[in-house]
């Protein structure tokens, strides 16, 4: 009987092709979240001062969405690093 060692390749995760892609996508996500935060924080008081309640509501929603997006992308970076470190232990 022939024994073949087939199993998952955990060293492939630490390859040079995957980590820069993940880092670039998370960086772009954080940059978009920061830009959205700045724009919404700028629009909210102007729309509120002019009495445009629709724009005020959309700016508040955008501000909350940008905060949630920034937290999720930051958490995704920490989670990705934890998973890669966990993969090196097996």
N, C-alpha and C. Protein backbone atom coordinates (compact mmCIF):
# COMPACT_ATOMS: atom_id res chain seq x y z
N UNK A 1 0.85 -1.18 0.00
CA UNK A 1 0.00 0.00 0.00
C UNK A 1 0.89 1.24 0.00
N UNK A 2 0.55 2.19 -0.83
CA UNK A 2 1.34 3.39 -1.02
C UNK A 2 0.78 4.52 -0.15
N UNK A 3 1.59 5.08 0.70
CA UNK A 3 1.16 6.19 1.56
C UNK A 3 1.59 7.51 0.93
N UNK A 4 0.64 8.34 0.65
CA UNK A 4 0.91 9.62 0.05
C UNK A 4 0.58 10.69 1.08
N UNK A 5 1.53 11.61 1.33
CA UNK A 5 1.30 12.68 2.30
C UNK A 5 0.61 13.87 1.66
N UNK A 6 -0.70 13.87 1.72
CA UNK A 6 -1.47 14.97 1.16
C UNK A 6 -2.11 15.73 2.31
N UNK A 7 -1.95 17.02 2.30
CA UNK A 7 -2.54 17.84 3.37
C UNK A 7 -2.49 19.31 2.97
N UNK A 8 -3.04 20.14 3.82
CA UNK A 8 -3.03 21.57 3.49
C UNK A 8 -1.63 22.16 3.57
N UNK A 9 -1.36 23.10 2.71
CA UNK A 9 -0.05 23.75 2.67
C UNK A 9 -0.16 25.10 3.39
N UNK A 10 0.19 25.11 4.68
CA UNK A 10 0.07 26.33 5.47
C UNK A 10 1.18 27.33 5.15
N UNK A 11 2.24 26.91 4.54
CA UNK A 11 3.30 27.85 4.18
C UNK A 11 2.91 28.72 2.99
N UNK A 12 1.89 28.33 2.26
CA UNK A 12 1.47 29.12 1.11
C UNK A 12 0.81 30.43 1.52
N UNK A 13 0.26 30.47 2.73
CA UNK A 13 -0.39 31.69 3.19
C UNK A 13 0.63 32.80 3.41
N UNK A 14 1.81 32.45 3.85
CA UNK A 14 2.83 33.46 4.11
C UNK A 14 3.63 33.82 2.87
N UNK A 15 3.15 33.44 1.71
CA UNK A 15 3.84 33.75 0.47
C UNK A 15 3.85 35.24 0.18
N UNK A 16 4.69 35.65 -0.70
CA UNK A 16 4.84 37.07 -0.98
C UNK A 16 3.73 37.60 -1.88
N UNK A 17 2.90 36.74 -2.41
CA UNK A 17 1.86 37.21 -3.31
C UNK A 17 0.59 37.61 -2.58
N UNK A 18 0.27 36.94 -1.46
CA UNK A 18 -1.00 37.16 -0.79
C UNK A 18 -0.96 38.34 0.18
N UNK A 19 0.09 38.47 0.94
CA UNK A 19 0.15 39.51 1.97
C UNK A 19 0.13 40.93 1.42
N UNK A 20 0.86 41.25 0.35
CA UNK A 20 0.74 42.61 -0.18
C UNK A 20 -0.64 42.94 -0.72
N UNK A 21 -1.32 41.95 -1.27
CA UNK A 21 -2.67 42.18 -1.78
C UNK A 21 -3.62 42.49 -0.63
N UNK A 22 -3.55 41.71 0.43
CA UNK A 22 -4.40 41.95 1.60
C UNK A 22 -4.10 43.31 2.20
N UNK A 23 -2.82 43.63 2.36
CA UNK A 23 -2.44 44.92 2.92
C UNK A 23 -2.89 46.08 2.06
N UNK A 24 -2.79 45.94 0.76
CA UNK A 24 -3.21 47.02 -0.15
C UNK A 24 -4.72 47.23 -0.09
N UNK A 25 -5.47 46.14 -0.07
CA UNK A 25 -6.93 46.27 -0.01
C UNK A 25 -7.38 46.90 1.31
N UNK A 26 -6.76 46.50 2.41
CA UNK A 26 -7.13 47.08 3.70
C UNK A 26 -6.70 48.55 3.79
N UNK A 27 -5.58 48.90 3.19
CA UNK A 27 -5.15 50.29 3.17
C UNK A 27 -6.11 51.16 2.36
N UNK A 28 -6.54 50.67 1.22
CA UNK A 28 -7.50 51.40 0.40
C UNK A 28 -8.82 51.56 1.15
N UNK A 29 -9.23 50.52 1.86
CA UNK A 29 -10.47 50.59 2.63
C UNK A 29 -10.38 51.64 3.73
N UNK A 30 -9.26 51.68 4.43
CA UNK A 30 -9.09 52.68 5.50
C UNK A 30 -9.04 54.08 4.91
N UNK A 31 -8.36 54.27 3.79
CA UNK A 31 -8.29 55.58 3.16
C UNK A 31 -9.68 56.06 2.71
N UNK A 32 -10.48 55.18 2.16
CA UNK A 32 -11.83 55.55 1.74
C UNK A 32 -12.68 55.89 2.95
N UNK A 33 -12.53 55.12 4.04
CA UNK A 33 -13.29 55.40 5.26
C UNK A 33 -12.91 56.76 5.84
N UNK A 34 -11.64 57.10 5.84
CA UNK A 34 -11.20 58.40 6.36
C UNK A 34 -11.70 59.53 5.47
N UNK A 35 -11.61 59.35 4.17
CA UNK A 35 -12.10 60.38 3.24
C UNK A 35 -13.61 60.58 3.40
N UNK A 36 -14.34 59.50 3.55
CA UNK A 36 -15.78 59.59 3.75
C UNK A 36 -16.10 60.27 5.07
N UNK A 37 -15.33 59.98 6.10
CA UNK A 37 -15.53 60.61 7.40
C UNK A 37 -15.33 62.13 7.31
N UNK A 38 -14.26 62.54 6.64
CA UNK A 38 -13.96 63.97 6.52
C UNK A 38 -15.04 64.69 5.71
N UNK A 39 -15.46 64.10 4.62
CA UNK A 39 -16.48 64.73 3.78
C UNK A 39 -17.81 64.83 4.52
N UNK A 40 -18.22 63.77 5.18
CA UNK A 40 -19.49 63.78 5.91
C UNK A 40 -19.44 64.72 7.10
N UNK A 41 -18.28 64.79 7.78
CA UNK A 41 -18.14 65.71 8.90
C UNK A 41 -18.16 67.16 8.43
N UNK A 42 -17.77 67.41 7.21
CA UNK A 42 -17.80 68.75 6.64
C UNK A 42 -19.21 69.11 6.16
N UNK A 43 -19.93 68.15 5.59
CA UNK A 43 -21.26 68.42 5.03
C UNK A 43 -22.31 68.53 6.12
N UNK A 44 -22.20 67.77 7.20
CA UNK A 44 -23.22 67.74 8.23
C UNK A 44 -23.53 69.13 8.81
N UNK A 45 -22.54 69.90 9.30
CA UNK A 45 -22.92 71.21 9.87
C UNK A 45 -23.40 72.21 8.83
N UNK A 46 -22.88 72.12 7.62
CA UNK A 46 -23.34 73.04 6.57
C UNK A 46 -24.79 72.75 6.21
N UNK A 47 -25.12 71.48 6.06
CA UNK A 47 -26.50 71.11 5.73
C UNK A 47 -27.44 71.43 6.88
N UNK A 48 -26.96 71.26 8.09
CA UNK A 48 -27.78 71.58 9.25
C UNK A 48 -28.02 73.08 9.36
N UNK A 49 -27.02 73.88 9.06
CA UNK A 49 -27.16 75.33 9.15
C UNK A 49 -28.09 75.89 8.07
N UNK A 50 -28.12 75.24 6.92
CA UNK A 50 -28.99 75.72 5.84
C UNK A 50 -30.40 75.14 5.92
N UNK A 51 -30.63 74.24 6.87
CA UNK A 51 -31.97 73.67 7.04
C UNK A 51 -32.29 72.53 6.10
N UNK A 52 -31.30 71.94 5.48
CA UNK A 52 -31.53 70.82 4.57
C UNK A 52 -31.46 69.53 5.37
N UNK A 53 -32.61 69.06 5.82
CA UNK A 53 -32.63 67.90 6.72
C UNK A 53 -32.28 66.60 6.01
N UNK A 54 -32.55 66.51 4.70
CA UNK A 54 -32.18 65.28 3.98
C UNK A 54 -30.66 65.12 3.90
N UNK A 55 -29.97 66.19 3.58
CA UNK A 55 -28.51 66.12 3.51
C UNK A 55 -27.91 65.90 4.89
N UNK A 56 -28.53 66.50 5.92
CA UNK A 56 -28.06 66.29 7.28
C UNK A 56 -28.18 64.82 7.67
N UNK A 57 -29.30 64.23 7.35
CA UNK A 57 -29.52 62.82 7.67
C UNK A 57 -28.55 61.92 6.92
N UNK A 58 -28.32 62.21 5.65
CA UNK A 58 -27.39 61.40 4.86
C UNK A 58 -25.95 61.58 5.34
N UNK A 59 -25.59 62.79 5.78
CA UNK A 59 -24.24 63.02 6.30
C UNK A 59 -24.04 62.27 7.60
N UNK A 60 -25.06 62.26 8.47
CA UNK A 60 -24.95 61.49 9.73
C UNK A 60 -24.83 60.00 9.45
N UNK A 61 -25.61 59.52 8.49
CA UNK A 61 -25.53 58.10 8.13
C UNK A 61 -24.17 57.77 7.53
N UNK A 62 -23.65 58.65 6.69
CA UNK A 62 -22.32 58.45 6.10
C UNK A 62 -21.22 58.48 7.15
N UNK A 63 -21.37 59.36 8.15
CA UNK A 63 -20.39 59.44 9.23
C UNK A 63 -20.38 58.14 10.03
N UNK A 64 -21.55 57.63 10.36
CA UNK A 64 -21.64 56.37 11.08
C UNK A 64 -21.10 55.22 10.23
N UNK A 65 -21.43 55.21 8.95
CA UNK A 65 -20.94 54.16 8.06
C UNK A 65 -19.43 54.18 7.91
N UNK A 66 -18.85 55.38 7.86
CA UNK A 66 -17.39 55.46 7.75
C UNK A 66 -16.70 55.00 9.03
N UNK A 67 -17.29 55.30 10.18
CA UNK A 67 -16.72 54.81 11.44
C UNK A 67 -16.79 53.29 11.51
N UNK A 68 -17.92 52.74 11.15
CA UNK A 68 -18.07 51.27 11.17
C UNK A 68 -17.12 50.63 10.16
N UNK A 69 -16.99 51.22 8.97
CA UNK A 69 -16.08 50.68 7.96
C UNK A 69 -14.63 50.72 8.41
N UNK A 70 -14.23 51.81 9.06
CA UNK A 70 -12.86 51.91 9.57
C UNK A 70 -12.58 50.90 10.66
N UNK A 71 -13.55 50.70 11.56
CA UNK A 71 -13.37 49.72 12.64
C UNK A 71 -13.31 48.31 12.08
N UNK A 72 -14.17 48.00 11.13
CA UNK A 72 -14.18 46.66 10.55
C UNK A 72 -12.89 46.38 9.77
N UNK A 73 -12.42 47.37 9.00
CA UNK A 73 -11.19 47.13 8.24
C UNK A 73 -9.98 47.04 9.16
N UNK A 74 -9.95 47.82 10.23
CA UNK A 74 -8.87 47.68 11.22
C UNK A 74 -8.92 46.34 11.92
N UNK A 75 -10.13 45.90 12.25
CA UNK A 75 -10.29 44.58 12.86
C UNK A 75 -9.93 43.47 11.89
N UNK A 76 -10.21 43.67 10.61
CA UNK A 76 -9.86 42.65 9.61
C UNK A 76 -8.35 42.51 9.49
N UNK A 77 -7.64 43.62 9.61
CA UNK A 77 -6.18 43.55 9.57
C UNK A 77 -5.64 42.77 10.75
N UNK A 78 -6.16 43.06 11.94
CA UNK A 78 -5.71 42.32 13.13
C UNK A 78 -6.09 40.84 13.03
N UNK A 79 -7.29 40.57 12.52
CA UNK A 79 -7.73 39.18 12.40
C UNK A 79 -6.89 38.43 11.36
N UNK A 80 -6.56 39.07 10.26
CA UNK A 80 -5.73 38.45 9.23
C UNK A 80 -4.35 38.13 9.77
N UNK A 81 -3.74 39.07 10.51
CA UNK A 81 -2.44 38.80 11.11
C UNK A 81 -2.50 37.66 12.10
N UNK A 82 -3.59 37.60 12.89
CA UNK A 82 -3.74 36.52 13.86
C UNK A 82 -3.87 35.18 13.15
N UNK A 83 -4.65 35.12 12.07
CA UNK A 83 -4.80 33.87 11.34
C UNK A 83 -3.50 33.43 10.69
N UNK A 84 -2.73 34.36 10.18
CA UNK A 84 -1.45 34.00 9.57
C UNK A 84 -0.49 33.50 10.63
N UNK A 85 -0.46 34.14 11.79
CA UNK A 85 0.38 33.64 12.88
C UNK A 85 -0.09 32.28 13.37
N UNK A 86 -1.40 32.08 13.40
CA UNK A 86 -1.94 30.78 13.81
C UNK A 86 -1.56 29.70 12.81
N UNK A 87 -1.54 30.04 11.53
CA UNK A 87 -1.16 29.07 10.51
C UNK A 87 0.28 28.65 10.61
N UNK A 88 1.15 29.51 11.12
CA UNK A 88 2.57 29.15 11.27
C UNK A 88 2.79 28.18 12.43
N UNK A 89 1.83 28.06 13.33
CA UNK A 89 2.02 27.18 14.48
C UNK A 89 1.72 25.72 14.15
N UNK A 90 1.01 25.46 13.07
CA UNK A 90 0.67 24.07 12.73
C UNK A 90 1.76 23.41 11.93
